[in-house]
Amino acid sequence: MPAYNAKKTLAKTWAEVPYEYIDAAVLVDDGSEDNTVVLAKQLGLHTFVHDSNRGYGANQKTCYREALRLNADIVVMLHPDYQYSPRLIVSLAAGHSTAECPATSTSPTDC
């Protein structure tokens, strides 16, 4: 989860994650000033912190790098600001289990 000042929505987002289908969750904080990191750690998320705001692209790159470091087979980029429901994780990842699609995506208008 690429996070920047996501404290207000992080718990709601995390509460809807279908935990039975995931092995690990990574949150990369991009220099938040609202205690996103404190909440992420309280929620038990693997948390990586940028020492300053590096921007969204750098945050995504760190998310992918950390997920691969944890030996992820499938990576779902979930935004902790509740842009879309985490309940979509299962359907987004389902295509990968059949090797029919190397990548999938969604947007708030798809939900």
N, C-alpha and C. Protein backbone atom coordinates (compact mmCIF):
# COMPACT_ATOMS: atom_id res chain seq x y z
N MET A 1 0.84 -1.17 0.00
CA MET A 1 0.00 0.00 0.00
C MET A 1 0.89 1.24 0.00
N PRO A 2 0.81 2.04 -1.05
CA PRO A 2 1.57 3.29 -1.08
C PRO A 2 0.82 4.34 -0.27
N ALA A 3 1.40 4.77 0.82
CA ALA A 3 0.66 5.67 1.72
C ALA A 3 1.31 7.03 1.86
N TYR A 4 0.46 8.03 1.91
CA TYR A 4 0.88 9.39 2.24
C TYR A 4 -0.29 10.05 2.97
N ASN A 5 -0.09 10.32 4.24
CA ASN A 5 -1.13 10.91 5.08
C ASN A 5 -2.46 10.15 4.97
N ALA A 6 -2.39 8.84 5.18
CA ALA A 6 -3.56 7.97 5.01
C ALA A 6 -4.17 7.52 6.34
N LYS A 7 -3.83 8.16 7.43
CA LYS A 7 -4.31 7.72 8.74
C LYS A 7 -5.84 7.65 8.81
N LYS A 8 -6.54 8.59 8.21
CA LYS A 8 -8.00 8.64 8.31
C LYS A 8 -8.69 7.46 7.64
N THR A 9 -8.08 6.87 6.63
CA THR A 9 -8.75 5.82 5.87
C THR A 9 -8.06 4.46 5.95
N LEU A 10 -6.88 4.41 6.52
CA LEU A 10 -6.12 3.16 6.56
C LEU A 10 -6.85 2.04 7.30
N ALA A 11 -7.37 2.31 8.47
CA ALA A 11 -8.05 1.25 9.24
C ALA A 11 -9.27 0.71 8.50
N LYS A 12 -10.04 1.60 7.87
CA LYS A 12 -11.21 1.17 7.10
C LYS A 12 -10.78 0.28 5.93
N THR A 13 -9.74 0.70 5.24
CA THR A 13 -9.23 -0.08 4.12
C THR A 13 -8.76 -1.44 4.59
N TRP A 14 -7.96 -1.47 5.62
CA TRP A 14 -7.38 -2.71 6.12
C TRP A 14 -8.46 -3.66 6.66
N ALA A 15 -9.53 -3.12 7.22
CA ALA A 15 -10.60 -3.94 7.77
C ALA A 15 -11.32 -4.76 6.69
N GLU A 16 -11.28 -4.29 5.45
CA GLU A 16 -11.96 -5.00 4.37
C GLU A 16 -11.06 -5.95 3.58
N VAL A 17 -9.80 -6.02 3.93
CA VAL A 17 -8.88 -6.92 3.23
C VAL A 17 -9.28 -8.37 3.54
N PRO A 18 -9.41 -9.20 2.52
CA PRO A 18 -9.73 -10.61 2.75
C PRO A 18 -8.47 -11.37 3.21
N TYR A 19 -8.22 -11.30 4.51
CA TYR A 19 -6.97 -11.81 5.10
C TYR A 19 -6.68 -13.26 4.74
N GLU A 20 -7.73 -14.05 4.57
CA GLU A 20 -7.53 -15.49 4.30
C GLU A 20 -6.87 -15.74 2.95
N TYR A 21 -6.80 -14.71 2.10
CA TYR A 21 -6.20 -14.87 0.78
C TYR A 21 -4.83 -14.23 0.63
N ILE A 22 -4.33 -13.61 1.67
CA ILE A 22 -3.03 -12.95 1.55
C ILE A 22 -2.04 -13.53 2.56
N ASP A 23 -0.78 -13.50 2.17
CA ASP A 23 0.29 -13.97 3.05
C ASP A 23 0.95 -12.83 3.79
N ALA A 24 0.98 -11.66 3.16
CA ALA A 24 1.65 -10.51 3.76
C ALA A 24 1.07 -9.22 3.18
N ALA A 25 1.21 -8.16 3.94
CA ALA A 25 0.80 -6.84 3.46
C ALA A 25 1.91 -5.85 3.78
N VAL A 26 2.22 -5.03 2.80
CA VAL A 26 3.29 -4.04 2.93
C VAL A 26 2.69 -2.65 2.80
N LEU A 27 3.05 -1.78 3.70
CA LEU A 27 2.69 -0.37 3.59
C LEU A 27 3.98 0.42 3.48
N VAL A 28 4.08 1.25 2.45
CA VAL A 28 5.23 2.14 2.30
C VAL A 28 4.74 3.55 2.55
N ASP A 29 5.26 4.16 3.60
CA ASP A 29 4.88 5.52 3.95
C ASP A 29 5.84 6.50 3.29
N ASP A 30 5.27 7.47 2.61
CA ASP A 30 6.08 8.42 1.85
C ASP A 30 6.21 9.77 2.55
N GLY A 31 6.66 9.72 3.80
CA GLY A 31 6.89 10.96 4.54
C GLY A 31 5.64 11.58 5.13
N SER A 32 4.68 10.75 5.51
CA SER A 32 3.44 11.27 6.09
C SER A 32 3.69 12.08 7.35
N GLU A 33 2.77 13.02 7.60
CA GLU A 33 2.85 13.87 8.79
C GLU A 33 1.68 13.63 9.73
N ASP A 34 0.93 12.55 9.52
CA ASP A 34 -0.30 12.34 10.29
C ASP A 34 -0.32 11.03 11.10
N ASN A 35 0.80 10.47 11.40
CA ASN A 35 0.89 9.22 12.17
C ASN A 35 0.37 8.00 11.43
N THR A 36 0.43 8.03 10.11
CA THR A 36 0.09 6.84 9.32
C THR A 36 0.96 5.67 9.74
N VAL A 37 2.25 5.92 9.96
CA VAL A 37 3.18 4.85 10.32
C VAL A 37 2.80 4.20 11.65
N VAL A 38 2.45 5.00 12.62
CA VAL A 38 2.06 4.47 13.94
C VAL A 38 0.86 3.54 13.79
N LEU A 39 -0.15 3.98 13.06
CA LEU A 39 -1.34 3.16 12.85
C LEU A 39 -1.02 1.90 12.07
N ALA A 40 -0.22 2.02 11.02
CA ALA A 40 0.15 0.85 10.22
C ALA A 40 0.82 -0.22 11.08
N LYS A 41 1.71 0.20 11.94
CA LYS A 41 2.39 -0.76 12.83
C LYS A 41 1.41 -1.36 13.83
N GLN A 42 0.47 -0.56 14.34
CA GLN A 42 -0.55 -1.08 15.26
C GLN A 42 -1.42 -2.13 14.57
N LEU A 43 -1.65 -1.94 13.28
CA LEU A 43 -2.46 -2.89 12.52
C LEU A 43 -1.67 -4.14 12.12
N GLY A 44 -0.37 -4.13 12.38
CA GLY A 44 0.47 -5.29 12.07
C GLY A 44 0.98 -5.35 10.65
N LEU A 45 0.96 -4.23 9.95
CA LEU A 45 1.43 -4.20 8.58
C LEU A 45 2.95 -4.12 8.53
N HIS A 46 3.55 -4.83 7.58
CA HIS A 46 4.98 -4.70 7.31
C HIS A 46 5.15 -3.28 6.79
N THR A 47 5.85 -2.43 7.54
CA THR A 47 5.89 -1.00 7.23
C THR A 47 7.30 -0.56 6.87
N PHE A 48 7.40 0.11 5.74
CA PHE A 48 8.65 0.68 5.28
C PHE A 48 8.43 2.19 5.18
N VAL A 49 9.39 2.98 5.65
CA VAL A 49 9.20 4.43 5.71
C VAL A 49 10.25 5.16 4.90
N HIS A 50 9.80 5.98 3.96
CA HIS A 50 10.72 6.90 3.28
C HIS A 50 11.01 8.04 4.25
N ASP A 51 12.25 8.49 4.30
CA ASP A 51 12.62 9.56 5.22
C ASP A 51 12.10 10.92 4.78
N SER A 52 11.68 11.02 3.53
CA SER A 52 11.07 12.25 3.01
C SER A 52 10.09 11.86 1.91
N ASN A 53 9.26 12.80 1.50
CA ASN A 53 8.29 12.53 0.44
C ASN A 53 9.02 12.44 -0.89
N ARG A 54 8.97 11.27 -1.49
CA ARG A 54 9.66 11.03 -2.76
C ARG A 54 8.70 11.04 -3.95
N GLY A 55 7.42 11.11 -3.67
CA GLY A 55 6.43 11.11 -4.75
C GLY A 55 5.83 9.73 -4.96
N TYR A 56 4.69 9.74 -5.64
CA TYR A 56 3.91 8.52 -5.81
C TYR A 56 4.65 7.43 -6.59
N GLY A 57 5.35 7.81 -7.64
CA GLY A 57 6.08 6.81 -8.43
C GLY A 57 7.15 6.10 -7.62
N ALA A 58 7.91 6.85 -6.86
CA ALA A 58 8.93 6.24 -6.01
C ALA A 58 8.30 5.37 -4.93
N ASN A 59 7.15 5.79 -4.42
CA ASN A 59 6.46 5.01 -3.42
C ASN A 59 6.03 3.67 -4.00
N GLN A 60 5.46 3.68 -5.20
CA GLN A 60 5.07 2.43 -5.85
C GLN A 60 6.27 1.52 -6.07
N LYS A 61 7.37 2.08 -6.53
CA LYS A 61 8.57 1.27 -6.76
C LYS A 61 9.02 0.60 -5.47
N THR A 62 8.98 1.33 -4.37
CA THR A 62 9.37 0.75 -3.09
C THR A 62 8.39 -0.35 -2.69
N CYS A 63 7.10 -0.13 -2.94
CA CYS A 63 6.10 -1.17 -2.64
C CYS A 63 6.44 -2.47 -3.38
N TYR A 64 6.69 -2.37 -4.68
CA TYR A 64 7.02 -3.56 -5.46
C TYR A 64 8.31 -4.20 -4.98
N ARG A 65 9.32 -3.39 -4.72
CA ARG A 65 10.61 -3.92 -4.26
C ARG A 65 10.46 -4.67 -2.94
N GLU A 66 9.71 -4.08 -2.00
CA GLU A 66 9.52 -4.73 -0.70
C GLU A 66 8.69 -6.01 -0.83
N ALA A 67 7.68 -5.98 -1.69
CA ALA A 67 6.87 -7.19 -1.91
C ALA A 67 7.72 -8.31 -2.50
N LEU A 68 8.56 -7.98 -3.46
CA LEU A 68 9.43 -8.99 -4.05
C LEU A 68 10.48 -9.49 -3.06
N ARG A 69 10.93 -8.59 -2.19
CA ARG A 69 11.89 -9.00 -1.15
C ARG A 69 11.25 -10.03 -0.22
N LEU A 70 9.94 -9.95 -0.06
CA LEU A 70 9.20 -10.92 0.76
C LEU A 70 8.78 -12.15 -0.03
N ASN A 71 9.30 -12.26 -1.28
CA ASN A 71 9.03 -13.40 -2.16
C ASN A 71 7.57 -13.52 -2.58
N ALA A 72 6.95 -12.40 -2.87
CA ALA A 72 5.55 -12.41 -3.31
C ALA A 72 5.42 -13.08 -4.67
N ASP A 73 4.40 -13.90 -4.81
CA ASP A 73 4.06 -14.50 -6.11
C ASP A 73 3.13 -13.58 -6.89
N ILE A 74 2.20 -12.97 -6.18
CA ILE A 74 1.25 -12.03 -6.77
C ILE A 74 1.27 -10.77 -5.92
N VAL A 75 1.30 -9.62 -6.59
CA VAL A 75 1.30 -8.34 -5.89
C VAL A 75 0.06 -7.56 -6.30
N VAL A 76 -0.70 -7.12 -5.31
CA VAL A 76 -1.86 -6.27 -5.55
C VAL A 76 -1.56 -4.91 -4.93
N MET A 77 -1.58 -3.87 -5.74
CA MET A 77 -1.33 -2.52 -5.24
C MET A 77 -2.66 -1.96 -4.73
N LEU A 78 -2.80 -1.92 -3.44
CA LEU A 78 -4.02 -1.43 -2.80
C LEU A 78 -3.75 -0.06 -2.19
N HIS A 79 -4.57 0.90 -2.51
CA HIS A 79 -4.39 2.25 -1.99
C HIS A 79 -5.09 2.36 -0.64
N PRO A 80 -4.39 2.80 0.40
CA PRO A 80 -4.98 2.87 1.73
C PRO A 80 -5.93 4.04 1.93
N ASP A 81 -6.16 4.82 0.89
CA ASP A 81 -7.11 5.93 1.01
C ASP A 81 -8.51 5.52 0.56
N TYR A 82 -8.71 4.22 0.41
CA TYR A 82 -10.01 3.64 0.08
C TYR A 82 -10.53 4.13 -1.28
N GLN A 83 -9.63 4.18 -2.26
CA GLN A 83 -10.04 4.53 -3.62
C GLN A 83 -10.97 3.47 -4.19
N TYR A 84 -10.75 2.23 -3.79
CA TYR A 84 -11.60 1.13 -4.19
C TYR A 84 -11.59 0.10 -3.08
N SER A 85 -12.58 -0.76 -3.09
CA SER A 85 -12.73 -1.72 -2.00
C SER A 85 -11.66 -2.81 -2.05
N PRO A 86 -11.05 -3.11 -0.92
CA PRO A 86 -10.09 -4.20 -0.85
C PRO A 86 -10.72 -5.56 -1.15
N ARG A 87 -12.03 -5.63 -1.13
CA ARG A 87 -12.70 -6.89 -1.46
C ARG A 87 -12.44 -7.30 -2.90
N LEU A 88 -11.93 -6.37 -3.71
CA LEU A 88 -11.59 -6.69 -5.10
C LEU A 88 -10.30 -7.49 -5.23
N ILE A 89 -9.55 -7.60 -4.16
CA ILE A 89 -8.26 -8.31 -4.21
C ILE A 89 -8.42 -9.71 -4.78
N VAL A 90 -9.41 -10.44 -4.34
CA VAL A 90 -9.58 -11.83 -4.78
C VAL A 90 -9.83 -11.89 -6.28
N SER A 91 -10.73 -11.05 -6.78
CA SER A 91 -11.02 -11.11 -8.21
C SER A 91 -9.85 -10.59 -9.05
N LEU A 92 -9.12 -9.61 -8.54
CA LEU A 92 -7.96 -9.10 -9.27
C LEU A 92 -6.86 -10.16 -9.36
N ALA A 93 -6.68 -10.89 -8.31
CA ALA A 93 -5.61 -11.90 -8.28
C ALA A 93 -6.02 -13.21 -8.94
N ALA A 94 -7.30 -13.45 -9.12
CA ALA A 94 -7.78 -14.73 -9.64
C ALA A 94 -7.22 -15.05 -11.02
N GLY A 95 -7.12 -14.08 -11.88
CA GLY A 95 -6.59 -14.33 -13.22
C GLY A 95 -5.16 -14.81 -13.21
N HIS A 96 -4.41 -14.38 -12.24
CA HIS A 96 -3.01 -14.80 -12.15
C HIS A 96 -2.89 -16.27 -11.81
N SER A 97 -3.83 -16.80 -11.05
CA SER A 97 -3.75 -18.21 -10.67
C SER A 97 -4.00 -19.12 -11.87
N THR A 98 -4.64 -18.60 -12.90
CA THR A 98 -4.88 -19.41 -14.10
C THR A 98 -3.89 -19.06 -15.21
N ALA A 99 -3.01 -18.14 -14.95
CA ALA A 99 -1.98 -17.70 -15.91
C ALA A 99 -2.58 -17.09 -17.18
N GLU A 100 -3.82 -16.64 -17.10
CA GLU A 100 -4.46 -16.04 -18.27
C GLU A 100 -4.12 -14.56 -18.44
N CYS A 101 -3.77 -13.90 -17.35
CA CYS A 101 -3.45 -12.48 -17.48
C CYS A 101 -2.26 -12.13 -16.59
N PRO A 102 -1.22 -11.57 -17.20
CA PRO A 102 -0.03 -11.22 -16.43
C PRO A 102 -0.22 -9.99 -15.55
N ALA A 103 -1.23 -9.17 -15.87
CA ALA A 103 -1.48 -7.98 -15.07
C ALA A 103 -2.97 -7.62 -15.17
N THR A 104 -3.50 -7.11 -14.07
CA THR A 104 -4.87 -6.62 -14.06
C THR A 104 -4.88 -5.28 -13.36
N SER A 105 -5.92 -4.50 -13.59
CA SER A 105 -6.02 -3.23 -12.89
C SER A 105 -7.48 -2.85 -12.76
N THR A 106 -7.72 -1.89 -11.90
CA THR A 106 -9.06 -1.36 -11.72
C THR A 106 -8.94 0.12 -11.39
N SER A 107 -10.03 0.79 -11.41
CA SER A 107 -10.07 2.19 -11.01
C SER A 107 -11.35 2.41 -10.24
N PRO A 108 -11.46 3.53 -9.54
CA PRO A 108 -12.69 3.77 -8.77
C PRO A 108 -13.96 3.73 -9.61
N THR A 109 -13.87 4.03 -10.89
CA THR A 109 -15.05 4.00 -11.74
C THR A 109 -15.45 2.57 -12.11
N ASP A 110 -14.55 1.59 -11.91
CA ASP A 110 -14.85 0.20 -12.20
C ASP A 110 -15.65 -0.47 -11.10
N CYS A 111 -15.69 0.15 -9.93
CA CYS A 111 -16.25 -0.51 -8.76
C CYS A 111 -17.75 -0.32 -8.65
